[in-house]
PDB file of all heavy atoms in Angstrom:
ATOM      1  N   LEU A   1      79.328  -0.039-123.603  1.00  0.00           N
ATOM      2  CA  LEU A   1      79.613  -0.368-122.203  1.00  0.00           C
ATOM      3  C   LEU A   1      81.064   0.321-121.873  1.00  0.00           C
ATOM      4  O   LEU A   1      81.879   0.398-122.853  1.00  0.00           O
ATOM      5  CB  LEU A   1      79.893  -1.943-122.048  1.00  0.00           C
ATOM      6  CG  LEU A   1      78.612  -2.739-122.112  1.00  0.00           C
ATOM      7  CD1 LEU A   1      78.954  -4.169-122.101  1.00  0.00           C
ATOM      8  CD2 LEU A   1      77.729  -2.344-120.868  1.00  0.00           C
ATOM      9  N   TYR A   2      81.121   0.752-120.677  1.00  0.00           N
ATOM     10  CA  TYR A   2      82.377   1.317-120.179  1.00  0.00           C
ATOM     11  C   TYR A   2      83.192   0.273-119.463  1.00  0.00           C
ATOM     12  O   TYR A   2      82.735  -0.738-118.787  1.00  0.00           O
ATOM     13  CB  TYR A   2      82.087   2.493-119.321  1.00  0.00           C
ATOM     14  CG  TYR A   2      81.399   3.675-120.069  1.00  0.00           C
ATOM     15  CD1 TYR A   2      79.999   3.949-119.928  1.00  0.00           C
ATOM     16  CD2 TYR A   2      82.366   4.474-120.725  1.00  0.00           C
ATOM     17  CE1 TYR A   2      79.483   5.027-120.652  1.00  0.00           C
ATOM     18  CE2 TYR A   2      81.614   5.759-121.353  1.00  0.00           C
ATOM     19  CZ  TYR A   2      80.312   5.807-121.306  1.00  0.00           C
ATOM     20  OH  TYR A   2      79.767   6.932-122.062  1.00  0.00           O
ATOM     21  N   ASP A   3      84.514   0.440-119.352  1.00  0.00           N
ATOM     22  CA  ASP A   3      85.406  -0.317-118.621  1.00  0.00           C
ATOM     23  C   ASP A   3      85.585   0.236-117.211  1.00  0.00           C
ATOM     24  O   ASP A   3      85.782  -0.616-116.257  1.00  0.00           O
ATOM     25  CB  ASP A   3      86.856  -0.414-119.244  1.00  0.00           C
ATOM     26  CG  ASP A   3      86.764  -0.962-120.724  1.00  0.00           C
ATOM     27  OD1 ASP A   3      86.373  -2.149-120.933  1.00  0.00           O
ATOM     28  OD2 ASP A   3      86.995  -0.117-121.770  1.00  0.00           O
ATOM     29  N   LEU A   4      85.408   1.436-117.106  1.00  0.00           N
ATOM     30  CA  LEU A   4      85.581   2.157-115.807  1.00  0.00           C
ATOM     31  C   LEU A   4      84.832   3.311-115.725  1.00  0.00           C
ATOM     32  O   LEU A   4      84.723   4.238-116.696  1.00  0.00           O
ATOM     33  CB  LEU A   4      87.185   2.521-115.650  1.00  0.00           C
ATOM     34  CG  LEU A   4      87.451   3.017-114.305  1.00  0.00           C
ATOM     35  CD1 LEU A   4      89.117   2.639-113.987  1.00  0.00           C
ATOM     36  CD2 LEU A   4      87.431   4.560-114.174  1.00  0.00           C
ATOM     37  N   CYS A   5      84.085   3.542-114.478  1.00  0.00           N
ATOM     38  CA  CYS A   5      83.285   4.741-114.304  1.00  0.00           C
ATOM     39  C   CYS A   5      83.916   5.355-113.040  1.00  0.00           C
ATOM     40  O   CYS A   5      84.141   4.710-112.024  1.00  0.00           O
ATOM     41  CB  CYS A   5      81.850   4.433-114.026  1.00  0.00           C
ATOM     42  SG  CYS A   5      81.123   3.812-115.576  1.00  0.00           S
ATOM     43  N   PHE A   6      84.062   6.626-112.961  1.00  0.00           N
ATOM     44  CA  PHE A   6      84.549   7.403-111.910  1.00  0.00           C
ATOM     45  C   PHE A   6      83.540   8.499-111.502  1.00  0.00           C
ATOM     46  O   PHE A   6      83.225   9.358-112.325  1.00  0.00           O
ATOM     47  CB  PHE A   6      85.951   8.044-112.245  1.00  0.00           C
ATOM     48  CG  PHE A   6      86.518   8.888-111.155  1.00  0.00           C
ATOM     49  CD1 PHE A   6      86.648   8.353-109.886  1.00  0.00           C
ATOM     50  CD2 PHE A   6      86.979  10.150-111.357  1.00  0.00           C
ATOM     51  CE1 PHE A   6      87.300   9.209-108.884  1.00  0.00           C
ATOM     52  CE2 PHE A   6      87.430  10.936-110.456  1.00  0.00           C
ATOM     53  CZ  PHE A   6      87.654  10.507-109.116  1.00  0.00           C
ATOM     54  N   LEU A   7      83.060   8.395-110.302  1.00  0.00           N
ATOM     55  CA  LEU A   7      82.083   9.341-109.859  1.00  0.00           C
ATOM     56  C   LEU A   7      82.772  10.317-108.862  1.00  0.00           C
ATOM     57  O   LEU A   7      83.052   9.938-107.770  1.00  0.00           O
ATOM     58  CB  LEU A   7      80.839   8.599-109.159  1.00  0.00           C
ATOM     59  CG  LEU A   7      80.101   7.572-110.024  1.00  0.00           C
ATOM     60  CD1 LEU A   7      79.087   6.880-109.250  1.00  0.00           C
ATOM     61  CD2 LEU A   7      79.620   8.183-111.294  1.00  0.00           C
ATOM     62  N   ASP A   8      82.763  11.532-109.158  1.00  0.00           N
ATOM     63  CA  ASP A   8      83.356  12.628-108.294  1.00  0.00           C
ATOM     64  C   ASP A   8      82.454  13.997-108.456  1.00  0.00           C
ATOM     65  O   ASP A   8      83.065  14.944-108.616  1.00  0.00           O
ATOM     66  CB  ASP A   8      84.708  12.837-108.720  1.00  0.00           C
ATOM     67  CG  ASP A   8      85.566  13.698-107.696  1.00  0.00           C
ATOM     68  OD1 ASP A   8      85.043  13.787-106.543  1.00  0.00           O
ATOM     69  OD2 ASP A   8      86.534  14.253-108.108  1.00  0.00           O
ATOM     70  N   GLY A   9      81.230  13.693-108.484  1.00  0.00           N
ATOM     71  CA  GLY A   9      80.195  14.889-108.566  1.00  0.00           C
ATOM     72  C   GLY A   9      79.547  15.140-107.224  1.00  0.00           C
ATOM     73  O   GLY A   9      80.141  14.760-106.084  1.00  0.00           O
ATOM     74  N   ALA A  10      78.287  15.447-107.266  1.00  0.00           N
ATOM     75  CA  ALA A  10      77.502  15.659-106.012  1.00  0.00           C
ATOM     76  C   ALA A  10      77.192  14.259-105.325  1.00  0.00           C
ATOM     77  O   ALA A  10      76.601  13.345-105.991  1.00  0.00           O
ATOM     78  CB  ALA A  10      76.143  16.332-106.398  1.00  0.00           C
ATOM     79  N   LYS A  11      77.643  14.066-104.118  1.00  0.00           N
ATOM     80  CA  LYS A  11      77.650  12.876-103.397  1.00  0.00           C
ATOM     81  C   LYS A  11      76.248  12.457-103.211  1.00  0.00           C
ATOM     82  O   LYS A  11      75.868  11.178-103.143  1.00  0.00           O
ATOM     83  CB  LYS A  11      78.363  12.929-102.205  1.00  0.00           C
ATOM     84  CG  LYS A  11      79.838  13.498-102.277  1.00  0.00           C
ATOM     85  CD  LYS A  11      80.667  12.959-103.438  1.00  0.00           C
ATOM     86  CE  LYS A  11      81.953  13.766-103.540  1.00  0.00           C
ATOM     87  NZ  LYS A  11      82.696  13.332-104.786  1.00  0.00           N
ATOM     88  N   GLN A  12      75.266  13.411-103.088  1.00  0.00           N
ATOM     89  CA  GLN A  12      73.938  12.915-102.854  1.00  0.00           C
ATOM     90  C   GLN A  12      73.323  12.181-104.105  1.00  0.00           C
ATOM     91  O   GLN A  12      72.241  11.541-103.894  1.00  0.00           O
ATOM     92  CB  GLN A  12      73.155  14.205-102.443  1.00  0.00           C
ATOM     93  CG  GLN A  12      73.064  15.147-103.604  1.00  0.00           C
ATOM     94  CD  GLN A  12      72.476  16.444-103.086  1.00  0.00           C
ATOM     95  OE1 GLN A  12      71.270  16.462-102.615  1.00  0.00           O
ATOM     96  NE2 GLN A  12      73.123  17.611-103.107  1.00  0.00           N
ATOM     97  N   ASP A  13      73.863  12.198-105.277  1.00  0.00           N
ATOM     98  CA  ASP A  13      73.492  11.534-106.431  1.00  0.00           C
ATOM     99  C   ASP A  13      74.144  10.178-106.603  1.00  0.00           C
ATOM    100  O   ASP A  13      73.818   9.629-107.531  1.00  0.00           O
ATOM    101  CB  ASP A  13      73.680  12.553-107.627  1.00  0.00           C
ATOM    102  CG  ASP A  13      73.014  13.735-107.677  1.00  0.00           C
ATOM    103  OD1 ASP A  13      71.894  13.817-106.893  1.00  0.00           O
ATOM    104  OD2 ASP A  13      73.366  14.752-108.289  1.00  0.00           O
ATOM    105  N   ASN A  14      74.988   9.865-105.722  1.00  0.00           N
ATOM    106  CA  ASN A  14      75.842   8.805-105.986  1.00  0.00           C
ATOM    107  C   ASN A  14      75.114   7.472-106.208  1.00  0.00           C
ATOM    108  O   ASN A  14      75.529   6.694-107.094  1.00  0.00           O
ATOM    109  CB  ASN A  14      76.905   8.483-104.916  1.00  0.00           C
ATOM    110  CG  ASN A  14      78.208   9.467-105.190  1.00  0.00           C
ATOM    111  OD1 ASN A  14      78.401   9.863-106.281  1.00  0.00           O
ATOM    112  ND2 ASN A  14      79.048   9.522-104.213  1.00  0.00           N
ATOM    113  N   VAL A  15      74.082   7.198-105.353  1.00  0.00           N
ATOM    114  CA  VAL A  15      73.466   5.931-105.534  1.00  0.00           C
ATOM    115  C   VAL A  15      72.664   5.886-106.891  1.00  0.00           C
ATOM    116  O   VAL A  15      72.905   4.769-107.585  1.00  0.00           O
ATOM    117  CB  VAL A  15      72.390   5.679-104.352  1.00  0.00           C
ATOM    118  CG1 VAL A  15      71.556   4.472-104.657  1.00  0.00           C
ATOM    119  CG2 VAL A  15      73.140   5.413-103.032  1.00  0.00           C
ATOM    120  N   ALA A  16      71.967   6.855-107.240  1.00  0.00           N
ATOM    121  CA  ALA A  16      71.391   6.890-108.537  1.00  0.00           C
ATOM    122  C   ALA A  16      72.300   6.813-109.629  1.00  0.00           C
ATOM    123  O   ALA A  16      71.998   5.985-110.566  1.00  0.00           O
ATOM    124  CB  ALA A  16      70.584   8.191-108.653  1.00  0.00           C
ATOM    125  N   LEU A  17      73.481   7.347-109.505  1.00  0.00           N
ATOM    126  CA  LEU A  17      74.554   7.295-110.615  1.00  0.00           C
ATOM    127  C   LEU A  17      75.103   5.922-110.659  1.00  0.00           C
ATOM    128  O   LEU A  17      75.549   5.405-111.693  1.00  0.00           O
ATOM    129  CB  LEU A  17      75.653   8.424-110.257  1.00  0.00           C
ATOM    130  CG  LEU A  17      75.105   9.763-110.708  1.00  0.00           C
ATOM    131  CD1 LEU A  17      76.213  10.736-110.201  1.00  0.00           C
ATOM    132  CD2 LEU A  17      74.983   9.942-112.140  1.00  0.00           C
ATOM    133  N   MET A  18      75.331   5.305-109.322  1.00  0.00           N
ATOM    134  CA  MET A  18      75.862   3.967-109.390  1.00  0.00           C
ATOM    135  C   MET A  18      74.921   2.925-110.089  1.00  0.00           C
ATOM    136  O   MET A  18      75.290   2.022-110.852  1.00  0.00           O
ATOM    137  CB  MET A  18      76.096   3.550-107.913  1.00  0.00           C
ATOM    138  CG  MET A  18      77.256   4.167-107.277  1.00  0.00           C
ATOM    139  SD  MET A  18      77.447   3.850-105.440  1.00  0.00           S
ATOM    140  CE  MET A  18      78.106   2.183-105.487  1.00  0.00           C
ATOM    141  N   ARG A  19      73.582   3.159-109.889  1.00  0.00           N
ATOM    142  CA  ARG A  19      72.610   2.264-110.604  1.00  0.00           C
ATOM    143  C   ARG A  19      72.798   2.518-112.141  1.00  0.00           C
ATOM    144  O   ARG A  19      72.815   1.470-112.874  1.00  0.00           O
ATOM    145  CB  ARG A  19      71.215   2.555-110.211  1.00  0.00           C
ATOM    146  CG  ARG A  19      70.950   2.279-108.793  1.00  0.00           C
ATOM    147  CD  ARG A  19      69.470   2.661-108.403  1.00  0.00           C
ATOM    148  NE  ARG A  19      69.033   2.489-107.072  1.00  0.00           N
ATOM    149  CZ  ARG A  19      68.815   1.514-106.322  1.00  0.00           C
ATOM    150  NH1 ARG A  19      68.923   0.371-107.092  1.00  0.00           N
ATOM    151  NH2 ARG A  19      68.666   1.478-105.086  1.00  0.00           N
ATOM    152  N   LEU A  20      73.001   3.750-112.594  1.00  0.00           N
ATOM    153  CA  LEU A  20      73.177   3.924-114.022  1.00  0.00           C
ATOM    154  C   LEU A  20      74.398   3.407-114.484  1.00  0.00           C
ATOM    155  O   LEU A  20      74.447   2.885-115.580  1.00  0.00           O
ATOM    156  CB  LEU A  20      73.158   5.454-114.227  1.00  0.00           C
ATOM    157  CG  LEU A  20      71.754   6.223-114.171  1.00  0.00           C
ATOM    158  CD1 LEU A  20      71.974   7.706-114.169  1.00  0.00           C
ATOM    159  CD2 LEU A  20      70.780   5.739-115.249  1.00  0.00           C
ATOM    160  N   CYS A  21      75.463   3.432-113.701  1.00  0.00           N
ATOM    161  CA  CYS A  21      76.800   2.998-114.095  1.00  0.00           C
ATOM    162  C   CYS A  21      76.871   1.528-114.240  1.00  0.00           C
ATOM    163  O   CYS A  21      77.466   0.918-115.015  1.00  0.00           O
ATOM    164  CB  CYS A  21      77.839   3.378-113.137  1.00  0.00           C
ATOM    165  SG  CYS A  21      78.304   5.194-113.358  1.00  0.00           S
ATOM    166  N   ILE A  22      76.119   0.792-113.194  1.00  0.00           N
ATOM    167  CA  ILE A  22      76.004  -0.673-113.190  1.00  0.00           C
ATOM    168  C   ILE A  22      75.416  -1.076-114.675  1.00  0.00           C
ATOM    169  O   ILE A  22      75.841  -1.975-115.254  1.00  0.00           O
ATOM    170  CB  ILE A  22      75.141  -1.196-112.107  1.00  0.00           C
ATOM    171  CG1 ILE A  22      75.867  -1.153-110.736  1.00  0.00           C
ATOM    172  CG2 ILE A  22      74.691  -2.747-112.414  1.00  0.00           C
ATOM    173  CD1 ILE A  22      75.064  -1.309-109.545  1.00  0.00           C
ATOM    174  N   GLU A  23      74.476  -0.344-115.182  1.00  0.00           N
ATOM    175  CA  GLU A  23      73.849  -0.777-116.404  1.00  0.00           C
ATOM    176  C   GLU A  23      74.668  -0.457-117.586  1.00  0.00           C
ATOM    177  O   GLU A  23      74.677  -1.128-118.642  1.00  0.00           O
ATOM    178  CB  GLU A  23      72.607   0.149-116.704  1.00  0.00           C
ATOM    179  CG  GLU A  23      71.525  -0.179-115.677  1.00  0.00           C
ATOM    180  CD  GLU A  23      70.305   0.877-115.855  1.00  0.00           C
ATOM    181  OE1 GLU A  23      70.526   1.788-116.754  1.00  0.00           O
ATOM    182  OE2 GLU A  23      69.382   0.825-115.099  1.00  0.00           O
ATOM    183  N   ARG A  24      75.911   0.417-117.450  1.00  0.00           N
ATOM    184  CA  ARG A  24      76.744   0.748-118.542  1.00  0.00           C
ATOM    185  C   ARG A  24      78.130   0.287-118.325  1.00  0.00           C
ATOM    186  O   ARG A  24      79.014   0.695-119.155  1.00  0.00           O
ATOM    187  CB  ARG A  24      76.712   2.298-118.582  1.00  0.00           C
ATOM    188  CG  ARG A  24      75.366   2.837-119.127  1.00  0.00           C
ATOM    189  CD  ARG A  24      75.096   4.259-118.762  1.00  0.00           C
ATOM    190  NE  ARG A  24      73.885   4.763-119.312  1.00  0.00           N
ATOM    191  CZ  ARG A  24      72.748   4.638-118.838  1.00  0.00           C
ATOM    192  NH1 ARG A  24      72.589   3.914-117.721  1.00  0.00           N
ATOM    193  NH2 ARG A  24      71.583   5.007-119.444  1.00  0.00           N
ATOM    194  N   THR A  25      78.371  -0.529-117.484  1.00  0.00           N
ATOM    195  CA  THR A  25      79.831  -1.110-117.219  1.00  0.00           C
ATOM    196  C   THR A  25      79.792  -2.557-117.432  1.00  0.00           C
ATOM    197  O   THR A  25      78.886  -3.346-117.029  1.00  0.00           O
ATOM    198  CB  THR A  25      80.246  -0.759-115.686  1.00  0.00           C
ATOM    199  OG1 THR A  25      80.098   0.458-115.337  1.00  0.00           O
ATOM    200  CG2 THR A  25      81.584  -1.482-115.364  1.00  0.00           C
ATOM    201  N   ARG A  26      80.799  -2.928-118.183  1.00  0.00           N
ATOM    202  CA  ARG A  26      80.919  -4.334-118.551  1.00  0.00           C
ATOM    203  C   ARG A  26      81.308  -5.142-117.335  1.00  0.00           C
ATOM    204  O   ARG A  26      81.821  -4.702-116.390  1.00  0.00           O
ATOM    205  CB  ARG A  26      82.054  -4.468-119.575  1.00  0.00           C
ATOM    206  CG  ARG A  26      83.595  -4.216-119.003  1.00  0.00           C
ATOM    207  CD  ARG A  26      84.611  -4.708-120.018  1.00  0.00           C
ATOM    208  NE  ARG A  26      85.952  -4.187-119.599  1.00  0.00           N
ATOM    209  CZ  ARG A  26      86.756  -4.726-118.610  1.00  0.00           C
ATOM    210  NH1 ARG A  26      86.259  -5.838-118.046  1.00  0.00           N
ATOM    211  NH2 ARG A  26      87.973  -4.377-118.348  1.00  0.00           N
ATOM    212  N   ALA A  27      80.962  -6.589-117.416  1.00  0.00           N
ATOM    213  CA  ALA A  27      81.344  -7.507-116.417  1.00  0.00           C
ATOM    214  C   ALA A  27      82.995  -7.508-116.251  1.00  0.00           C
ATOM    215  O   ALA A  27      83.564  -7.510-117.268  1.00  0.00           O
ATOM    216  CB  ALA A  27      80.965  -8.803-116.764  1.00  0.00           C
ATOM    217  N   GLY A  28      83.449  -7.189-115.014  1.00  0.00           N
ATOM    218  CA  GLY A  28      84.704  -7.220-114.709  1.00  0.00           C
ATOM    219  C   GLY A  28      85.291  -5.738-114.809  1.00  0.00           C
ATOM    220  O   GLY A  28      86.460  -5.473-114.448  1.00  0.00           O
ATOM    221  N   GLY A  29      84.466  -4.908-115.204  1.00  0.00           N
ATOM    222  CA  GLY A  29      84.741  -3.408-115.132  1.00  0.00           C
ATOM    223  C   GLY A  29      84.624  -2.912-113.785  1.00  0.00           C
ATOM    224  O   GLY A  29      84.253  -3.605-112.813  1.00  0.00           O
ATOM    225  N   VAL A  30      85.014  -1.671-113.630  1.00  0.00           N
ATOM    226  CA  VAL A  30      85.163  -1.045-112.284  1.00  0.00           C
ATOM    227  C   VAL A  30      84.416   0.324-112.213  1.00  0.00           C
ATOM    228  O   VAL A  30      84.325   1.154-113.082  1.00  0.00           O
ATOM    229  CB  VAL A  30      86.774  -0.692-111.997  1.00  0.00           C
ATOM    230  CG1 VAL A  30      86.836   0.029-110.662  1.00  0.00           C
ATOM    231  CG2 VAL A  30      87.505  -2.054-111.952  1.00  0.00           C
ATOM    232  N   ILE A  31      83.813   0.465-111.044  1.00  0.00           N
ATOM    233  CA  ILE A  31      83.087   1.721-110.746  1.00  0.00           C
ATOM    234  C   ILE A  31      83.756   2.263-109.626  1.00  0.00           C
ATOM    235  O   ILE A  31      83.888   1.652-108.401  1.00  0.00           O
ATOM    236  CB  ILE A  31      81.590   1.571-110.458  1.00  0.00           C
ATOM    237  CG1 ILE A  31      80.935   0.951-111.735  1.00  0.00           C
ATOM    238  CG2 ILE A  31      80.965   2.945-109.963  1.00  0.00           C
ATOM    239  CD1 ILE A  31      79.417   0.486-111.431  1.00  0.00           C
ATOM    240  N   LEU A  32      84.301   3.486-109.556  1.00  0.00           N
ATOM    241  CA  LEU A  32      85.077   4.126-108.437  1.00  0.00           C
ATOM    242  C   LEU A  32      84.266   5.357-107.990  1.00  0.00           C
ATOM    243  O   LEU A  32      83.786   6.133-108.822  1.00  0.00           O
ATOM    244  CB  LEU A  32      86.455   4.597-108.941  1.00  0.00           C
ATOM    245  CG  LEU A  32      87.435   3.603-109.621  1.00  0.00           C
ATOM    246  CD1 LEU A  32      88.637   4.414-109.916  1.00  0.00           C
ATOM    247  CD2 LEU A  32      87.754   2.626-108.502  1.00  0.00           C
ATOM    248  N   VAL A  33      84.076   5.318-106.757  1.00  0.00           N
ATOM    249  CA  VAL A  33      83.241   6.545-106.142  1.00  0.00           C
ATOM    250  C   VAL A  33      84.130   7.282-105.167  1.00  0.00           C
ATOM    251  O   VAL A  33      84.838   6.645-104.199  1.00  0.00           O
ATOM    252  CB  VAL A  33      82.039   6.021-105.417  1.00  0.00           C
ATOM    253  CG1 VAL A  33      81.370   7.249-104.832  1.00  0.00           C
ATOM    254  CG2 VAL A  33      81.160   5.154-106.261  1.00  0.00           C
ATOM    255  N   ASP A  34      84.554   8.504-105.505  1.00  0.00           N
ATOM    256  CA  ASP A  34      85.569   9.278-104.815  1.00  0.00           C
ATOM    257  C   ASP A  34      84.895   9.831-103.483  1.00  0.00           C
ATOM    258  O   ASP A  34      83.836   9.914-103.311  1.00  0.00           O
ATOM    259  CB  ASP A  34      86.066  10.435-105.718  1.00  0.00           C
ATOM    260  CG  ASP A  34      87.501  10.892-105.307  1.00  0.00           C
ATOM    261  OD1 ASP A  34      88.038  10.232-104.606  1.00  0.00           O
ATOM    262  OD2 ASP A  34      87.834  11.972-105.565  1.00  0.00           O
ATOM    263  N   ASN A  35      85.828  10.223-102.585  1.00  0.00           N
ATOM    264  CA  ASN A  35      85.705  10.896-101.355  1.00  0.00           C
ATOM    265  C   ASN A  35      84.777   9.985-100.399  1.00  0.00           C
ATOM    266  O   ASN A  35      83.903  10.455 -99.674  1.00  0.00           O
ATOM    267  CB  ASN A  35      84.892  12.177-101.500  1.00  0.00           C
ATOM    268  CG  ASN A  35      85.701  13.232-102.450  1.00  0.00           C
ATOM    269  OD1 ASN A  35      85.308  13.595-103.502  1.00  0.00           O
ATOM    270  ND2 ASN A  35      86.885  13.617-101.876  1.00  0.00           N
TER     271      ASN A  35
END
């Protein structure tokens, strides 16, 4: 599990990546989506 995920790649992939990050982020952890 990750404590923090930061998404700053192709924005068209963000929803799919957010789903993957939700599975890999601990409760109370943070997912940041840039731009």
